[in-house]
Protein backbone atom coordinates (compact mmCIF):
# COMPACT_ATOMS: atom_id res chain seq x y z
CA UNK A 1 -11.20 14.85 16.39
CA UNK A 2 -9.50 15.81 20.03
CA UNK A 3 -5.49 15.29 20.46
CA UNK A 4 -6.05 13.72 23.78
CA UNK A 5 -8.48 10.82 21.92
CA UNK A 6 -5.22 10.63 19.56
CA UNK A 7 -2.59 10.00 22.15
CA UNK A 8 -4.66 7.38 23.75
CA UNK A 9 -4.57 5.68 20.47
CA UNK A 10 -0.87 6.17 19.72
CA UNK A 11 -0.35 4.42 23.06
CA UNK A 12 -2.37 1.49 22.61
CA UNK A 13 -1.02 0.73 19.08
CA UNK A 14 2.47 1.54 20.02
CA UNK A 15 3.72 -2.11 20.81
CA UNK A 16 2.31 -2.88 17.52
CA UNK A 17 3.39 -0.26 15.22
CA UNK A 18 7.37 -0.46 15.59
CA UNK A 19 8.70 2.72 13.71
CA UNK A 20 5.86 3.31 11.88
CA UNK A 21 2.25 4.94 12.50
CA UNK A 22 -0.22 5.70 9.41
CA UNK A 23 -3.86 5.87 10.03
CA UNK A 24 -6.26 6.02 13.24
CA UNK A 25 -8.50 3.12 13.82
CA UNK A 26 -12.11 3.72 14.55
CA UNK A 27 -12.83 4.50 18.43
CA UNK A 28 -12.96 1.51 20.41
CA UNK A 29 -11.54 -0.79 17.34
CA UNK A 30 -9.22 -3.45 18.00
CA UNK A 31 -5.93 -2.40 15.87
CA UNK A 32 -5.43 -5.65 14.72
CA UNK A 33 -9.11 -6.18 13.56
CA UNK A 34 -8.92 -3.51 10.77
CA UNK A 35 -7.19 -3.05 7.73
CA UNK A 36 -7.32 1.05 7.39
CA UNK A 37 -4.51 1.54 4.33
CA UNK A 38 -2.11 0.39 1.96
CA UNK A 39 -0.15 -2.63 3.50
CA UNK A 40 -2.41 -2.63 6.75
CA UNK A 41 -2.21 -1.51 10.23
CA UNK A 42 1.30 -0.80 10.36
CA UNK A 43 1.96 -0.05 6.68
CA UNK A 44 4.40 -2.80 6.16
CA UNK A 45 2.42 -6.04 5.41
CA UNK A 46 2.31 -7.66 8.69
CA UNK A 47 -0.91 -9.25 11.01
CA UNK A 48 -1.45 -9.25 14.71
CA UNK A 49 -3.91 -11.32 15.95
CA UNK A 50 -5.72 -14.73 14.92
CA UNK A 51 -3.22 -17.45 14.09
CA UNK A 52 -3.80 -18.64 10.53
CA UNK A 53 -4.04 -22.29 9.99
CA UNK A 54 -1.73 -24.33 8.29
CA UNK A 55 -3.89 -25.19 5.50
CA UNK A 56 -5.91 -23.04 2.62
CA UNK A 57 -8.42 -25.69 1.99
CA UNK A 58 -12.08 -24.97 1.92
CA UNK A 59 -12.91 -26.40 5.37
CA UNK A 60 -10.35 -23.87 6.87
CA UNK A 61 -11.02 -21.25 4.63
CA UNK A 62 -14.46 -20.68 3.95
CA UNK A 63 -16.52 -18.22 1.40
CA UNK A 64 -18.79 -15.83 3.63
CA UNK A 65 -19.71 -13.47 0.77
CA UNK A 66 -18.92 -11.95 -2.65
CA UNK A 67 -20.37 -9.07 -4.33
CA UNK A 68 -20.07 -7.48 -7.80
CA UNK A 69 -18.28 -4.49 -8.69
CA UNK A 70 -17.02 -2.39 -11.64
CA UNK A 71 -13.58 -2.79 -12.53
CA UNK A 72 -10.79 -1.53 -10.28
CA UNK A 73 -7.22 -2.19 -8.60
CA UNK A 74 -7.80 -0.51 -5.02
CA UNK A 75 -7.16 -2.92 -2.31
CA UNK A 76 -10.36 -3.33 0.14
CA UNK A 77 -9.94 -1.09 3.26
CA UNK A 78 -11.44 -2.95 6.52
CA UNK A 79 -13.16 -1.15 9.54
CA UNK A 80 -14.72 -2.51 12.36
CA UNK A 81 -17.71 -2.67 11.05
CA UNK A 82 -17.50 -2.05 7.14
CA UNK A 83 -15.66 -2.88 4.02
CA UNK A 84 -14.61 0.20 1.53
CA UNK A 85 -14.04 -0.68 -2.20
CA UNK A 86 -13.35 1.69 -4.99
CA UNK A 87 -14.73 0.99 -9.11
CA UNK A 88 -14.60 2.84 -12.31
CA UNK A 89 -18.06 2.52 -13.51
CA UNK A 90 -18.75 2.49 -17.60
CA UNK A 91 -15.50 4.14 -18.37
CA UNK A 92 -17.03 7.31 -16.70
CA UNK A 93 -17.44 7.51 -12.96
CA UNK A 94 -15.44 6.55 -9.98
CA UNK A 95 -16.96 5.20 -7.57
CA UNK A 96 -16.62 3.98 -3.46
CA UNK A 97 -18.60 1.94 -1.36
CA UNK A 98 -18.96 1.05 2.10
CA UNK A 99 -20.54 -2.63 2.57
CA UNK A 100 -21.09 -4.54 5.68
CA UNK A 101 -18.57 -6.33 6.92
CA UNK A 102 -20.32 -9.42 8.11
CA UNK A 103 -22.72 -9.75 4.91
CA UNK A 104 -21.61 -7.53 1.90
CA UNK A 105 -24.50 -5.44 1.80
CA UNK A 106 -24.32 -2.00 0.66
CA UNK A 107 -24.29 0.68 3.30
CA UNK A 108 -23.79 3.80 1.03
CA UNK A 109 -22.39 4.36 -2.34
CA UNK A 110 -20.63 7.66 -3.72
CA UNK A 111 -19.13 8.69 -7.34
CA UNK A 112 -17.86 11.61 -9.25
CA UNK A 113 -16.98 11.93 -12.67
CA UNK A 114 -13.19 10.64 -13.18
CA UNK A 115 -11.93 8.75 -15.83
CA UNK A 116 -8.53 8.32 -18.08
CA UNK A 117 -7.26 6.52 -21.02
CA UNK A 118 -3.67 5.01 -19.88
CA UNK A 119 -0.74 4.75 -22.34
CA UNK A 120 -0.41 1.86 -24.29
CA UNK A 121 2.33 0.30 -22.36
CA UNK A 122 -0.07 -0.01 -19.22
CA UNK A 123 -3.52 -0.44 -21.59
CA UNK A 124 -3.49 -4.24 -20.99
CA UNK A 125 -4.10 -3.65 -17.00
CA UNK A 126 -6.86 -1.64 -17.80
CA UNK A 127 -7.89 2.61 -17.49
CA UNK A 128 -9.79 2.19 -14.20
CA UNK A 129 -8.87 3.33 -10.50
CA UNK A 130 -5.56 2.20 -9.17
CA UNK A 131 -4.79 3.79 -5.95
CA UNK A 132 -5.74 1.82 -2.19
CA UNK A 133 -7.63 4.35 -0.17
CA UNK A 134 -6.97 5.23 3.45
CA UNK A 135 -9.16 5.42 6.61
CA UNK A 136 -8.68 7.17 9.66
CA UNK A 137 -11.72 6.14 11.87
CA UNK A 138 -14.29 8.97 10.44
CA UNK A 139 -13.04 9.76 6.62
CA UNK A 140 -11.94 7.90 3.77
CA UNK A 141 -9.66 9.27 1.51
CA UNK A 142 -9.96 8.38 -2.07
CA UNK A 143 -7.42 9.10 -4.90
CA UNK A 144 -9.10 9.52 -8.31
CA UNK A 145 -7.31 8.86 -11.42
CA UNK A 146 -7.11 12.27 -12.99
CA UNK A 147 -5.20 13.52 -9.88
CA UNK A 148 -8.15 14.57 -7.36
CA UNK A 149 -8.18 13.36 -3.60
CA UNK A 150 -11.71 13.09 -2.46
CA UNK A 151 -12.34 12.82 1.52
CA UNK A 152 -15.69 11.44 2.32
CA UNK A 153 -17.80 10.84 5.50
CA UNK A 154 -16.89 6.86 6.52
CA UNK A 155 -20.50 7.00 8.21
CA UNK A 156 -22.35 8.47 5.29
CA UNK A 157 -20.61 8.55 2.27
CA UNK A 158 -21.19 12.49 2.25
CA UNK A 159 -18.26 14.14 0.17
CA UNK A 160 -16.34 16.31 2.72
CA UNK A 161 -13.92 18.08 0.54
CA UNK A 162 -12.15 17.61 -3.30
CA UNK A 163 -8.78 18.77 -4.20
CA UNK A 164 -8.12 18.85 -8.01
CA UNK A 165 -4.12 18.94 -8.56
CA UNK A 166 -4.03 19.43 -11.92
CA UNK A 167 -6.53 22.63 -11.75
CA UNK A 168 -4.84 23.98 -8.47
CA UNK A 169 -1.03 23.48 -9.39
CA UNK A 170 -1.17 23.48 -13.21
CA UNK A 171 0.45 20.37 -13.33
CA UNK A 172 0.24 17.78 -16.23
CA UNK A 173 -1.94 14.98 -15.65
CA UNK A 174 -0.42 11.79 -14.57
CA UNK A 175 -0.33 9.41 -17.82
CA UNK A 176 -0.84 6.47 -15.55
CA UNK A 177 -3.31 7.98 -13.26
CA UNK A 178 -2.76 8.83 -9.60
CA UNK A 179 -1.77 5.52 -8.52
CA UNK A 180 0.26 6.26 -4.81
CA UNK A 181 -2.31 5.24 -2.20
CA UNK A 182 -2.63 7.88 0.77
CA UNK A 183 -0.86 8.30 4.05
CA UNK A 184 -2.58 9.57 7.13
CA UNK A 185 -0.63 10.89 9.98
CA UNK A 186 -2.32 12.84 12.74
CA UNK A 187 -4.10 15.59 11.51
CA UNK A 188 -2.85 15.58 7.76
CA UNK A 189 -2.74 13.10 4.45
CA UNK A 190 0.52 13.02 2.77
CA UNK A 191 0.44 11.92 -1.27
CA UNK A 192 2.20 11.93 -4.59
CA UNK A 193 0.26 14.42 -6.46
CA UNK A 194 0.73 17.67 -8.61
CA UNK A 195 3.83 16.16 -9.85
CA UNK A 196 5.67 16.49 -6.31
CA UNK A 197 4.78 15.26 -2.91
CA UNK A 198 2.12 17.07 -0.80
CA UNK A 199 0.84 17.40 2.74
CA UNK A 200 -2.88 18.01 3.34
CA UNK A 201 -4.84 19.30 6.23
CA UNK A 202 -7.07 16.39 6.64
CA UNK A 203 -10.20 18.14 7.88
CA UNK A 204 -10.03 20.75 4.74
CA UNK A 205 -7.61 19.42 2.12
CA UNK A 206 -5.86 22.74 1.92
CA UNK A 207 -2.45 21.87 0.61
CA UNK A 208 0.34 22.69 3.50
CA UNK A 209 3.66 21.97 1.36
CA UNK A 210 4.46 20.64 -2.13
CA UNK A 211 8.04 19.37 -2.96
CA UNK A 212 9.95 17.05 -4.73
CA UNK A 213 8.89 18.58 -7.61
CA UNK A 214 11.71 17.73 -9.86
CA UNK A 215 10.66 14.27 -10.46
CA UNK A 216 7.53 14.66 -12.37
CA UNK A 217 8.63 14.28 -15.94
CA UNK A 218 6.37 13.72 -18.93
CA UNK A 219 4.24 11.27 -17.22
CA UNK A 220 3.55 13.27 -14.23
CA UNK A 221 3.10 12.16 -10.65
CA UNK A 222 5.31 9.31 -9.34
CA UNK A 223 3.53 5.83 -8.00
CA UNK A 224 5.15 4.91 -5.05
CA UNK A 225 3.50 5.39 -1.78
CA UNK A 226 5.29 7.18 1.30
CA UNK A 227 6.14 5.57 4.44
CA UNK A 228 6.31 7.40 8.01
CA UNK A 229 9.86 6.09 9.80
CA UNK A 230 12.37 6.83 12.54
CA UNK A 231 15.72 6.66 11.39
CA UNK A 232 19.04 7.72 12.96
CA UNK A 233 16.65 9.36 16.01
CA UNK A 234 14.62 11.48 13.26
CA UNK A 235 10.31 10.44 12.32
CA UNK A 236 10.82 11.33 8.70
CA UNK A 237 8.36 10.14 5.46
CA UNK A 238 10.22 8.30 3.18
CA UNK A 239 9.03 9.28 -0.66
CA UNK A 240 10.51 7.26 -3.46
CA UNK A 241 9.58 9.74 -6.32
CA UNK A 242 10.30 8.77 -10.10
CA UNK A 243 13.97 9.37 -9.95
CA UNK A 244 14.91 9.24 -6.33
CA UNK A 245 14.27 8.37 -2.82
CA UNK A 246 14.18 11.01 -0.31
CA UNK A 247 13.83 11.36 3.83
CA UNK A 248 11.04 14.57 4.33
CA UNK A 249 10.62 16.20 7.65
CA UNK A 250 6.61 15.55 8.19
CA UNK A 251 5.92 19.09 9.48
CA UNK A 252 8.03 21.52 7.33
CA UNK A 253 8.77 19.40 4.14
CA UNK A 254 12.39 19.74 4.42
CA UNK A 255 14.20 17.14 2.73
CA UNK A 256 16.81 15.43 5.01
CA UNK A 257 18.69 13.39 2.16
CA UNK A 258 18.33 12.01 -0.91
CA UNK A 259 19.61 9.18 -3.23
CA UNK A 260 18.99 8.43 -7.42
CA UNK A 261 17.19 5.37 -7.83
CA UNK A 262 17.40 4.34 -11.49
CA UNK A 263 14.49 3.01 -13.31
CA UNK A 264 12.92 2.96 -16.44
CA UNK A 265 10.81 5.78 -17.55
CA UNK A 266 10.60 6.29 -13.75
CA UNK A 267 8.73 3.51 -12.91
CA UNK A 268 10.02 3.51 -8.99
CA UNK A 269 7.06 1.77 -7.96
CA UNK A 270 6.85 -0.28 -4.76
CA UNK A 271 7.37 1.07 -1.36
CA UNK A 272 10.43 0.91 0.26
CA UNK A 273 11.40 -0.85 3.14
CA UNK A 274 12.79 0.06 6.61
CA UNK A 275 14.90 -2.08 8.80
CA UNK A 276 16.51 -0.28 11.58
CA UNK A 277 18.62 2.55 9.74
CA UNK A 278 18.69 1.30 6.71
CA UNK A 279 16.25 1.13 3.14
CA UNK A 280 15.78 -1.61 0.81
CA UNK A 281 14.33 -0.64 -2.59
CA UNK A 282 13.98 -2.26 -6.08
CA UNK A 283 13.22 -0.70 -9.18
CA UNK A 284 11.58 -1.50 -12.64
CA UNK A 285 14.73 -1.59 -15.52
CA UNK A 286 17.16 -0.37 -12.49
CA UNK A 287 18.09 -3.45 -9.82
CA UNK A 288 18.09 -3.65 -5.84
CA UNK A 289 19.84 -1.95 -3.63
CA UNK A 290 20.02 -1.45 0.39
CA UNK A 291 20.88 2.09 1.80
CA UNK A 292 22.17 2.99 4.90
CA UNK A 293 21.13 6.79 6.40
CA UNK A 294 23.84 8.19 8.80
CA UNK A 295 23.41 11.25 10.95
CA UNK A 296 26.00 14.03 11.98
CA UNK A 297 24.22 16.51 14.19
CA UNK A 298 21.54 17.42 12.02
CA UNK A 299 22.91 16.61 8.75
CA UNK A 300 22.19 13.44 7.11
CA UNK A 301 23.76 11.32 4.57
CA UNK A 302 22.35 7.81 2.61
CA UNK A 303 24.84 5.52 1.67
CA UNK A 304 24.85 2.34 -0.53
CA UNK A 305 25.39 -0.79 1.19
CA UNK A 306 25.33 -2.77 -1.78
CA UNK A 307 23.55 -3.40 -5.17
CA UNK A 308 22.09 -5.84 -7.07
CA UNK A 309 20.37 -6.53 -10.50
CA UNK A 310 17.39 -8.08 -8.99
CA UNK A 311 14.61 -6.14 -10.01
CA UNK A 312 11.34 -5.33 -8.54
CA UNK A 313 8.19 -4.37 -10.48
CA UNK A 314 5.21 -3.50 -8.23
CA UNK A 315 5.06 -5.72 -5.62
CA UNK A 316 6.48 -4.45 -2.01
CA UNK A 317 8.58 -7.05 -0.46
CA UNK A 318 8.04 -8.18 3.35
CA UNK A 319 11.09 -8.32 5.71
CA UNK A 320 11.15 -11.08 8.65
CA UNK A 321 14.42 -10.76 10.22
CA UNK A 322 16.97 -9.68 8.21
CA UNK A 323 15.75 -11.33 4.93
CA UNK A 324 13.20 -9.33 2.30
CA UNK A 325 11.06 -11.72 0.44
CA UNK A 326 10.18 -10.15 -2.99
CA UNK A 327 8.02 -10.86 -6.07
CA UNK A 328 10.28 -9.90 -9.25
CA UNK A 329 9.82 -8.41 -12.48
CA UNK A 330 10.46 -11.72 -14.01
CA UNK A 331 7.31 -12.89 -12.21
CA UNK A 332 9.47 -15.41 -9.71
CA UNK A 333 9.85 -15.04 -5.95
CA UNK A 334 12.98 -14.34 -4.19
CA UNK A 335 14.62 -14.15 -0.66
CA UNK A 336 17.36 -11.39 -0.28
CA UNK A 337 19.89 -11.61 2.60
CA UNK A 338 19.77 -7.64 3.62
CA UNK A 339 22.96 -7.75 5.05
CA UNK A 340 25.01 -9.09 2.49
CA UNK A 341 22.34 -8.50 -0.45
CA UNK A 342 22.76 -12.36 -1.59
CA UNK A 343 19.89 -14.29 -2.99
CA UNK A 344 18.98 -17.30 -1.01
CA UNK A 345 16.82 -18.77 -3.46
CA UNK A 346 14.22 -18.14 -6.26
CA UNK A 347 11.48 -19.75 -7.80
CA UNK A 348 9.93 -20.42 -11.32
CA UNK A 349 7.77 -17.98 -12.43
CA UNK A 350 4.47 -17.10 -11.47
CA UNK A 351 1.70 -13.99 -12.33
CA UNK A 352 2.82 -10.89 -12.93
CA UNK A 353 2.07 -9.24 -9.18
CA UNK A 354 2.18 -10.44 -5.78
CA UNK A 355 0.52 -8.79 -2.62
CA UNK A 356 2.16 -10.05 0.33
CA UNK A 357 1.11 -10.26 4.17
CA UNK A 358 2.83 -11.55 6.90
CA UNK A 359 2.65 -13.31 9.80
CA UNK A 360 5.37 -14.51 11.97
CA UNK A 361 7.45 -16.71 9.72
CA UNK A 362 4.28 -17.02 7.31
CA UNK A 363 3.13 -14.80 4.13
CA UNK A 364 -0.13 -15.04 2.36
CA UNK A 365 0.46 -14.10 -1.35
CA UNK A 366 -2.34 -13.07 -3.41
CA UNK A 367 -0.71 -13.81 -7.43
CA UNK A 368 -2.62 -11.67 -9.89
CA UNK A 369 -3.88 -14.71 -11.58
CA UNK A 370 -6.15 -15.40 -8.74
CA UNK A 371 -4.33 -18.06 -6.46
CA UNK A 372 -3.63 -17.65 -2.94
CA UNK A 373 -0.33 -19.30 -1.31
CA UNK A 374 0.32 -19.92 2.31
CA UNK A 375 4.29 -19.92 2.60
CA UNK A 376 6.95 -20.65 5.13
CA UNK A 377 9.14 -18.08 5.19
CA UNK A 378 12.78 -19.39 5.73
CA UNK A 379 16.02 -18.70 3.65
CA UNK A 380 16.83 -22.42 3.68
CA UNK A 381 14.37 -22.84 0.66
CA UNK A 382 11.11 -21.56 -0.92
CA UNK A 383 8.53 -23.80 1.50
CA UNK A 384 5.30 -23.71 -0.12
CA UNK A 385 2.89 -25.02 2.49
CA UNK A 386 -0.14 -24.66 0.12
CA UNK A 387 -1.99 -23.06 -2.50
CA UNK A 388 -5.42 -22.54 -3.51
CA UNK A 389 -7.40 -21.04 -6.46
CA UNK A 390 -9.48 -18.32 -5.06
CA UNK A 391 -10.65 -16.35 -8.35
CA UNK A 392 -11.03 -16.78 -11.87
CA UNK A 393 -10.50 -13.10 -12.44
CA UNK A 394 -7.12 -11.32 -12.04
CA UNK A 395 -6.30 -10.42 -8.43
CA UNK A 396 -4.42 -6.93 -8.76
CA UNK A 397 -5.74 -5.37 -5.82
CA UNK A 398 -4.01 -5.73 -2.40
CA UNK A 399 -5.01 -8.51 0.06
CA UNK A 400 -6.60 -7.53 3.32
CA UNK A 401 -6.46 -9.79 6.40
CA UNK A 402 -8.17 -8.30 9.46
CA UNK A 403 -9.01 -10.87 12.35
CA UNK A 404 -10.35 -14.11 10.86
CA UNK A 405 -11.19 -12.53 7.54
CA UNK A 406 -9.73 -12.25 3.93
CA UNK A 407 -10.82 -9.88 1.84
CA UNK A 408 -9.63 -10.39 -1.79
CA UNK A 409 -10.36 -7.76 -4.29
CA UNK A 410 -11.10 -9.14 -7.82
CA UNK A 411 -11.14 -7.31 -11.05
CA UNK A 412 -15.06 -6.98 -10.91
CA UNK A 413 -15.53 -8.22 -7.42
CA UNK A 414 -14.85 -8.28 -4.29
CA UNK A 415 -15.28 -11.64 -1.81
CA UNK A 416 -14.83 -12.12 1.92
CA UNK A 417 -13.54 -15.37 3.64
CA UNK A 418 -13.41 -16.40 6.71
CA UNK A 419 -10.99 -18.59 9.05
CA UNK A 420 -12.45 -22.07 10.37
CA UNK A 421 -10.64 -24.18 12.70
CA UNK A 422 -7.57 -21.90 13.10
CA UNK A 423 -4.88 -23.89 14.68
CA UNK A 424 -1.41 -22.10 15.88
């Protein structure tokens, strides 16, 4: 991939990216028409492009195709012409398929030995693959449960390289499997693996550096997926490890600052959310807090602005204006004022997990019980515009929205829906 081509892509998407760049679209692809990674093109859950309709009724949202799959939790990844899905087959193999975006027809499949049994506290959620892959226009980067990262040719499915972190670093096998979703930035891939945080050459799989190795503990690698942001004028990777949140220099791995984030059994799962020079995070068994990063010359410091007892779980919030919309460990949905930490409203319980996607002042939420919700984001009240039972299966995979299409990863399948008669 030529640097001049990358530069042109960066210019094209700069207006859409805010401070986050995490993946490179296919040559010639409209960045609003793909979903290349965890939480979408800008890794913040926001969708640009086609305006959603005001209703989820069948006349507005129609099923286009469905494909049965073996179990899995990874969200679908959407390219200009295909969809990538990952699964665990017969409790023995991990597999990836590329499906035609318009029809669901299989274009290729790849698989490798890779399965493990998770601890009893996670057993109800199954032993299958969890991490959402990443796509950069040429390759698909897939994290296997046994702390492996596999790079596949996006066109053919041929394996380009494979890294076994346990074998290479003699690190513990992660008790819950490889959960972090890869982040691709330029020529490199960043992941929480090998009981630390690693930077790899995306062409070869060579590990360039490994930091934050003190947070693995008895359970191995951390869960949270990193993001790239510019804070206080400094580009940095935000990494929520098991016991702390840190800012890391992408080039060198230097730790700019860190802050302890208490959580039960180190279960810091959701992705930290950036607003200006502040970062919102919430931890299972801990609480919610807003950190402000301050800079003096080349020195950085994290300061707690406020803390509350609200506990997030696995669902990463979306931030609209100054409000965070967050699904809680208690299975309720809440709105938090990020300037004060005040809770504006909280709903009655829903399912155990929501994946959240936002467009303007609307939120699409996919509940773990197979319900899709359309919400008007306002601090005044919980304003549910519409809801629809969209699957009889559990839907733990992250929702993907691309152009006029919505892709739903069910426990044992993937479904594509298309918006019809969309209105502003």
